[in-house]
């Protein structure tokens, strides 16, 4: 696996006047930020140093497992906020988005 360091626009409330990513470099796992990126970075400036770890930290669930997780989270959320009407709200949520709670990818 490899890491990707980049200099990216960090001011979400201001439209980026140029490219959102000024520069990016792929490095080995655990390597420090390349000097070429550090040299372009200005502390307090609109661009910041970002790091992407790639696919190593993302986990894909099977549709059955995803459906189970979504259903359990829905039940927990509704039971916590609306315990008296939980069955009704859970039924409405399942009826309104059947493919979502069946494990379809987002």
C-alpha atoms as a PDB file:
ATOM      1  CA  UNK A   1       0.000   0.000   0.000  1.00  0.00           C
ATOM      2  CA  UNK A   2       0.991   3.602  -0.323  1.00  0.00           C
ATOM      3  CA  UNK A   3       0.035   6.968   1.078  1.00  0.00           C
ATOM      4  CA  UNK A   4      -0.772  10.086  -0.930  1.00  0.00           C
ATOM      5  CA  UNK A   5       0.228  13.493   0.430  1.00  0.00           C
ATOM      6  CA  UNK A   6      -1.322  16.520  -1.244  1.00  0.00           C
ATOM      7  CA  UNK A   7      -1.687  20.271  -0.895  1.00  0.00           C
ATOM      8  CA  UNK A   8      -5.454  20.888  -0.953  1.00  0.00           C
ATOM      9  CA  UNK A   9      -7.790  23.882  -0.621  1.00  0.00           C
ATOM     10  CA  UNK A  10      -9.131  23.903   2.960  1.00  0.00           C
ATOM     11  CA  UNK A  11     -11.455  26.926   3.078  1.00  0.00           C
ATOM     12  CA  UNK A  12     -14.852  25.342   2.446  1.00  0.00           C
ATOM     13  CA  UNK A  13     -16.710  28.640   2.903  1.00  0.00           C
ATOM     14  CA  UNK A  14     -14.723  30.357   0.109  1.00  0.00           C
ATOM     15  CA  UNK A  15     -14.805  29.263  -3.519  1.00  0.00           C
ATOM     16  CA  UNK A  16     -11.420  27.974  -4.648  1.00  0.00           C
ATOM     17  CA  UNK A  17      -9.959  30.435  -7.215  1.00  0.00           C
ATOM     18  CA  UNK A  18      -7.659  27.840  -8.735  1.00  0.00           C
ATOM     19  CA  UNK A  19      -7.132  24.099  -8.570  1.00  0.00           C
ATOM     20  CA  UNK A  20      -8.434  22.367  -5.440  1.00  0.00           C
ATOM     21  CA  UNK A  21      -5.317  20.187  -5.353  1.00  0.00           C
ATOM     22  CA  UNK A  22      -2.076  22.027  -6.077  1.00  0.00           C
ATOM     23  CA  UNK A  23       0.253  19.051  -5.874  1.00  0.00           C
ATOM     24  CA  UNK A  24       0.134  15.455  -4.721  1.00  0.00           C
ATOM     25  CA  UNK A  25       2.754  12.761  -4.304  1.00  0.00           C
ATOM     26  CA  UNK A  26       2.561   9.050  -3.611  1.00  0.00           C
ATOM     27  CA  UNK A  27       4.938   7.799  -0.888  1.00  0.00           C
ATOM     28  CA  UNK A  28       5.581   4.527   0.891  1.00  0.00           C
ATOM     29  CA  UNK A  29       3.552   3.654   3.992  1.00  0.00           C
ATOM     30  CA  UNK A  30       4.701   5.643   7.010  1.00  0.00           C
ATOM     31  CA  UNK A  31       6.939   8.003   5.038  1.00  0.00           C
ATOM     32  CA  UNK A  32       7.103  11.666   6.009  1.00  0.00           C
ATOM     33  CA  UNK A  33       5.517  14.361   3.895  1.00  0.00           C
ATOM     34  CA  UNK A  34       7.694  15.083   0.837  1.00  0.00           C
ATOM     35  CA  UNK A  35       9.753  18.250   1.004  1.00  0.00           C
ATOM     36  CA  UNK A  36       8.284  19.506  -2.278  1.00  0.00           C
ATOM     37  CA  UNK A  37       4.849  19.737  -0.622  1.00  0.00           C
ATOM     38  CA  UNK A  38       6.186  21.222   2.610  1.00  0.00           C
ATOM     39  CA  UNK A  39       8.027  23.922   0.634  1.00  0.00           C
ATOM     40  CA  UNK A  40       4.799  25.062  -1.066  1.00  0.00           C
ATOM     41  CA  UNK A  41       2.727  25.027   2.131  1.00  0.00           C
ATOM     42  CA  UNK A  42       2.197  28.374   3.898  1.00  0.00           C
ATOM     43  CA  UNK A  43       1.130  28.133   7.572  1.00  0.00           C
ATOM     44  CA  UNK A  44      -2.258  29.822   7.980  1.00  0.00           C
ATOM     45  CA  UNK A  45      -2.774  29.891   4.224  1.00  0.00           C
ATOM     46  CA  UNK A  46      -5.790  28.596   2.342  1.00  0.00           C
ATOM     47  CA  UNK A  47      -4.082  25.383   1.281  1.00  0.00           C
ATOM     48  CA  UNK A  48      -3.324  22.608   3.754  1.00  0.00           C
ATOM     49  CA  UNK A  49      -1.447  19.347   3.677  1.00  0.00           C
ATOM     50  CA  UNK A  50      -3.740  16.360   3.310  1.00  0.00           C
ATOM     51  CA  UNK A  51      -3.043  12.656   3.497  1.00  0.00           C
ATOM     52  CA  UNK A  52      -4.960   9.789   1.941  1.00  0.00           C
ATOM     53  CA  UNK A  53      -4.285   6.261   3.137  1.00  0.00           C
ATOM     54  CA  UNK A  54      -5.884   4.609   0.128  1.00  0.00           C
ATOM     55  CA  UNK A  55      -7.999   1.496   0.383  1.00  0.00           C
ATOM     56  CA  UNK A  56      -6.210   0.061   3.422  1.00  0.00           C
ATOM     57  CA  UNK A  57      -8.645   1.499   5.971  1.00  0.00           C
ATOM     58  CA  UNK A  58     -11.925   1.049   4.131  1.00  0.00           C
ATOM     59  CA  UNK A  59     -13.872  -2.115   4.677  1.00  0.00           C
ATOM     60  CA  UNK A  60     -16.586  -3.304   2.328  1.00  0.00           C
ATOM     61  CA  UNK A  61     -19.440  -5.172   3.938  1.00  0.00           C
ATOM     62  CA  UNK A  62     -21.516  -7.855   2.270  1.00  0.00           C
ATOM     63  CA  UNK A  63     -25.074  -6.713   1.512  1.00  0.00           C
ATOM     64  CA  UNK A  64     -26.487  -8.955   4.259  1.00  0.00           C
ATOM     65  CA  UNK A  65     -24.111  -7.523   6.859  1.00  0.00           C
ATOM     66  CA  UNK A  66     -24.767  -3.958   5.667  1.00  0.00           C
ATOM     67  CA  UNK A  67     -28.521  -4.531   5.931  1.00  0.00           C
ATOM     68  CA  UNK A  68     -28.115  -5.886   9.457  1.00  0.00           C
ATOM     69  CA  UNK A  69     -26.008  -2.911  10.548  1.00  0.00           C
ATOM     70  CA  UNK A  70     -28.448  -0.405   9.052  1.00  0.00           C
ATOM     71  CA  UNK A  71     -31.436  -2.099  10.665  1.00  0.00           C
ATOM     72  CA  UNK A  72     -29.765  -2.250  14.094  1.00  0.00           C
ATOM     73  CA  UNK A  73     -28.740   1.412  13.894  1.00  0.00           C
ATOM     74  CA  UNK A  74     -32.248   2.416  12.851  1.00  0.00           C
ATOM     75  CA  UNK A  75     -33.756   0.500  15.769  1.00  0.00           C
ATOM     76  CA  UNK A  76     -31.294   1.965  18.267  1.00  0.00           C
ATOM     77  CA  UNK A  77     -31.791   5.515  16.989  1.00  0.00           C
ATOM     78  CA  UNK A  78     -35.588   5.307  17.022  1.00  0.00           C
ATOM     79  CA  UNK A  79     -35.781   3.511  20.389  1.00  0.00           C
ATOM     80  CA  UNK A  80     -33.571   6.187  21.933  1.00  0.00           C
ATOM     81  CA  UNK A  81     -35.536   9.158  20.598  1.00  0.00           C
ATOM     82  CA  UNK A  82     -39.108   7.847  20.287  1.00  0.00           C
ATOM     83  CA  UNK A  83     -39.578   4.745  22.467  1.00  0.00           C
ATOM     84  CA  UNK A  84     -43.404   4.923  22.497  1.00  0.00           C
ATOM     85  CA  UNK A  85     -43.723   5.097  18.710  1.00  0.00           C
ATOM     86  CA  UNK A  86     -40.647   3.066  17.799  1.00  0.00           C
ATOM     87  CA  UNK A  87     -42.470   0.227  16.036  1.00  0.00           C
ATOM     88  CA  UNK A  88     -44.472   2.647  13.913  1.00  0.00           C
ATOM     89  CA  UNK A  89     -41.447   4.786  12.953  1.00  0.00           C
ATOM     90  CA  UNK A  90     -39.292   1.750  12.173  1.00  0.00           C
ATOM     91  CA  UNK A  91     -42.039   0.339   9.955  1.00  0.00           C
ATOM     92  CA  UNK A  92     -42.370   3.674   8.129  1.00  0.00           C
ATOM     93  CA  UNK A  93     -38.622   3.914   7.601  1.00  0.00           C
ATOM     94  CA  UNK A  94     -38.421   0.362   6.272  1.00  0.00           C
ATOM     95  CA  UNK A  95     -41.367   0.989   3.945  1.00  0.00           C
ATOM     96  CA  UNK A  96     -39.983   4.285   2.637  1.00  0.00           C
ATOM     97  CA  UNK A  97     -36.503   2.939   1.821  1.00  0.00           C
ATOM     98  CA  UNK A  98     -36.738  -0.841   1.384  1.00  0.00           C
ATOM     99  CA  UNK A  99     -33.641  -1.128  -0.853  1.00  0.00           C
ATOM    100  CA  UNK A 100     -31.524   0.914   1.593  1.00  0.00           C
ATOM    101  CA  UNK A 101     -32.378  -1.316   4.543  1.00  0.00           C
ATOM    102  CA  UNK A 102     -31.977  -4.429   2.371  1.00  0.00           C
ATOM    103  CA  UNK A 103     -28.280  -3.646   1.977  1.00  0.00           C
ATOM    104  CA  UNK A 104     -28.127  -1.828  -1.347  1.00  0.00           C
ATOM    105  CA  UNK A 105     -24.935   0.197  -1.733  1.00  0.00           C
ATOM    106  CA  UNK A 106     -25.311   3.926  -1.221  1.00  0.00           C
END
